[in-house]
Amino acid sequence: MQKKLFIALFLCSTCAYGQKPIAADTTAYVFISKSLDAFAEEAACWTPEQKQEFASVFFIERGKFTIPKEPIVLKSFEKP
């Protein structure tokens, strides 16, 4: 699940908001669209604690970006 989450997050971060693709039937557009749909379905099942942890890690205020020294581990997403 974490692998899917990070792949979808990476794809989300590379998309420009509000821009339409040059050709709607391109392979990259279809791949990104399907990935975002899968991410949205997965995120709909998150608990409030998971949503809060995700937001606190990945939503960054302007001017406050820092590069993590350790790999990011979302504890509430770990499977028992």
C-alpha atoms as a PDB file:
ATOM      1  CA  MET A   1       0.000   0.000   0.000  1.00  0.00           C
ATOM      2  CA  GLN A   2       2.807   2.438   0.836  1.00  0.00           C
ATOM      3  CA  LYS A   3       4.410   1.813  -2.541  1.00  0.00           C
ATOM      4  CA  LYS A   4       1.132   2.651  -4.319  1.00  0.00           C
ATOM      5  CA  LEU A   5       0.688   5.705  -2.116  1.00  0.00           C
ATOM      6  CA  PHE A   6       4.116   7.109  -2.882  1.00  0.00           C
ATOM      7  CA  ILE A   7       3.830   6.390  -6.600  1.00  0.00           C
ATOM      8  CA  ALA A   8       0.485   8.153  -6.713  1.00  0.00           C
ATOM      9  CA  LEU A   9       1.846  11.039  -4.650  1.00  0.00           C
ATOM     10  CA  PHE A  10       4.787  11.399  -7.017  1.00  0.00           C
ATOM     11  CA  LEU A  11       2.458  11.424  -9.998  1.00  0.00           C
ATOM     12  CA  CYS A  12       0.243  14.007  -8.318  1.00  0.00           C
ATOM     13  CA  SER A  13       3.203  16.248  -7.653  1.00  0.00           C
ATOM     14  CA  THR A  14       4.319  16.123 -11.285  1.00  0.00           C
ATOM     15  CA  CYS A  15       0.937  17.144 -12.710  1.00  0.00           C
ATOM     16  CA  ALA A  16       0.326  20.821 -13.335  1.00  0.00           C
ATOM     17  CA  TYR A  17      -2.955  21.909 -11.791  1.00  0.00           C
ATOM     18  CA  GLY A  18      -5.592  23.064 -14.267  1.00  0.00           C
ATOM     19  CA  GLN A  19      -3.689  22.236 -17.443  1.00  0.00           C
ATOM     20  CA  LYS A  20      -5.162  19.957 -20.055  1.00  0.00           C
ATOM     21  CA  PRO A  21      -2.936  17.414 -21.770  1.00  0.00           C
ATOM     22  CA  ILE A  22      -1.926  18.015 -25.374  1.00  0.00           C
ATOM     23  CA  ALA A  23      -3.596  14.785 -26.457  1.00  0.00           C
ATOM     24  CA  ALA A  24      -6.143  13.232 -24.130  1.00  0.00           C
ATOM     25  CA  ASP A  25      -5.419   9.730 -25.413  1.00  0.00           C
ATOM     26  CA  THR A  26      -1.679   9.731 -24.703  1.00  0.00           C
ATOM     27  CA  THR A  27      -0.291   6.848 -22.700  1.00  0.00           C
ATOM     28  CA  ALA A  28       1.099   9.078 -19.956  1.00  0.00           C
ATOM     29  CA  TYR A  29      -2.222  10.860 -19.484  1.00  0.00           C
ATOM     30  CA  VAL A  30      -4.117   7.573 -19.230  1.00  0.00           C
ATOM     31  CA  PHE A  31      -1.568   6.181 -16.771  1.00  0.00           C
ATOM     32  CA  ILE A  32      -1.701   9.282 -14.552  1.00  0.00           C
ATOM     33  CA  SER A  33      -5.480   9.372 -14.693  1.00  0.00           C
ATOM     34  CA  LYS A  34      -5.794   5.725 -13.632  1.00  0.00           C
ATOM     35  CA  SER A  35      -3.182   6.204 -10.905  1.00  0.00           C
ATOM     36  CA  LEU A  36      -5.001   9.207  -9.473  1.00  0.00           C
ATOM     37  CA  ASP A  37      -8.295   7.305  -9.528  1.00  0.00           C
ATOM     38  CA  ALA A  38      -6.677   4.424  -7.624  1.00  0.00           C
ATOM     39  CA  PHE A  39      -5.141   6.877  -5.150  1.00  0.00           C
ATOM     40  CA  ALA A  40      -8.517   8.561  -4.573  1.00  0.00           C
ATOM     41  CA  GLU A  41     -10.211   5.194  -3.956  1.00  0.00           C
ATOM     42  CA  GLU A  42      -7.492   4.204  -1.496  1.00  0.00           C
ATOM     43  CA  ALA A  43      -7.578   7.560   0.305  1.00  0.00           C
ATOM     44  CA  ALA A  44     -11.357   7.307   0.750  1.00  0.00           C
ATOM     45  CA  CYS A  45     -10.773   4.377   3.137  1.00  0.00           C
ATOM     46  CA  TRP A  46      -8.251   6.164   5.382  1.00  0.00           C
ATOM     47  CA  THR A  47      -9.001   6.732   9.044  1.00  0.00           C
ATOM     48  CA  PRO A  48      -8.955  10.295  10.428  1.00  0.00           C
ATOM     49  CA  GLU A  49      -5.588   9.527  12.054  1.00  0.00           C
ATOM     50  CA  GLN A  50      -4.133   8.434   8.712  1.00  0.00           C
ATOM     51  CA  LYS A  51      -5.462  11.561   6.978  1.00  0.00           C
ATOM     52  CA  GLN A  52      -3.943  13.772   9.686  1.00  0.00           C
ATOM     53  CA  GLU A  53      -0.563  12.026   9.493  1.00  0.00           C
ATOM     54  CA  PHE A  54      -0.500  12.236   5.686  1.00  0.00           C
ATOM     55  CA  ALA A  55      -1.389  15.936   5.766  1.00  0.00           C
ATOM     56  CA  SER A  56       1.203  16.758   8.422  1.00  0.00           C
ATOM     57  CA  VAL A  57       3.951  15.052   6.400  1.00  0.00           C
ATOM     58  CA  PHE A  58       3.123  16.037   2.816  1.00  0.00           C
ATOM     59  CA  PHE A  59       1.296  19.386   3.013  1.00  0.00           C
ATOM     60  CA  ILE A  60       4.043  21.971   3.326  1.00  0.00           C
ATOM     61  CA  GLU A  61       3.691  25.687   3.944  1.00  0.00           C
ATOM     62  CA  ARG A  62       5.420  27.969   1.486  1.00  0.00           C
ATOM     63  CA  GLY A  63       8.989  28.648   2.550  1.00  0.00           C
ATOM     64  CA  LYS A  64       9.103  25.823   5.114  1.00  0.00           C
ATOM     65  CA  PHE A  65      10.285  22.946   2.910  1.00  0.00           C
ATOM     66  CA  THR A  66      13.061  20.824   4.379  1.00  0.00           C
ATOM     67  CA  ILE A  67      14.657  17.665   3.057  1.00  0.00           C
ATOM     68  CA  PRO A  68      14.155  14.783   5.484  1.00  0.00           C
ATOM     69  CA  LYS A  69      17.330  13.277   6.923  1.00  0.00           C
ATOM     70  CA  GLU A  70      15.643   9.878   7.384  1.00  0.00           C
ATOM     71  CA  PRO A  71      13.208   8.043   5.082  1.00  0.00           C
ATOM     72  CA  ILE A  72       9.580   9.023   5.648  1.00  0.00           C
ATOM     73  CA  VAL A  73       7.647   6.343   7.522  1.00  0.00           C
ATOM     74  CA  LEU A  74       3.931   6.788   8.027  1.00  0.00           C
ATOM     75  CA  LYS A  75       3.288   4.832  11.215  1.00  0.00           C
ATOM     76  CA  SER A  76      -0.508   4.821  10.960  1.00  0.00           C
ATOM     77  CA  PHE A  77      -0.277   3.156   7.520  1.00  0.00           C
ATOM     78  CA  GLU A  78       1.850   0.214   8.650  1.00  0.00           C
ATOM     79  CA  LYS A  79       0.129  -3.143   8.561  1.00  0.00           C
ATOM     80  CA  PRO A  80       0.283  -5.261  11.752  1.00  0.00           C
END
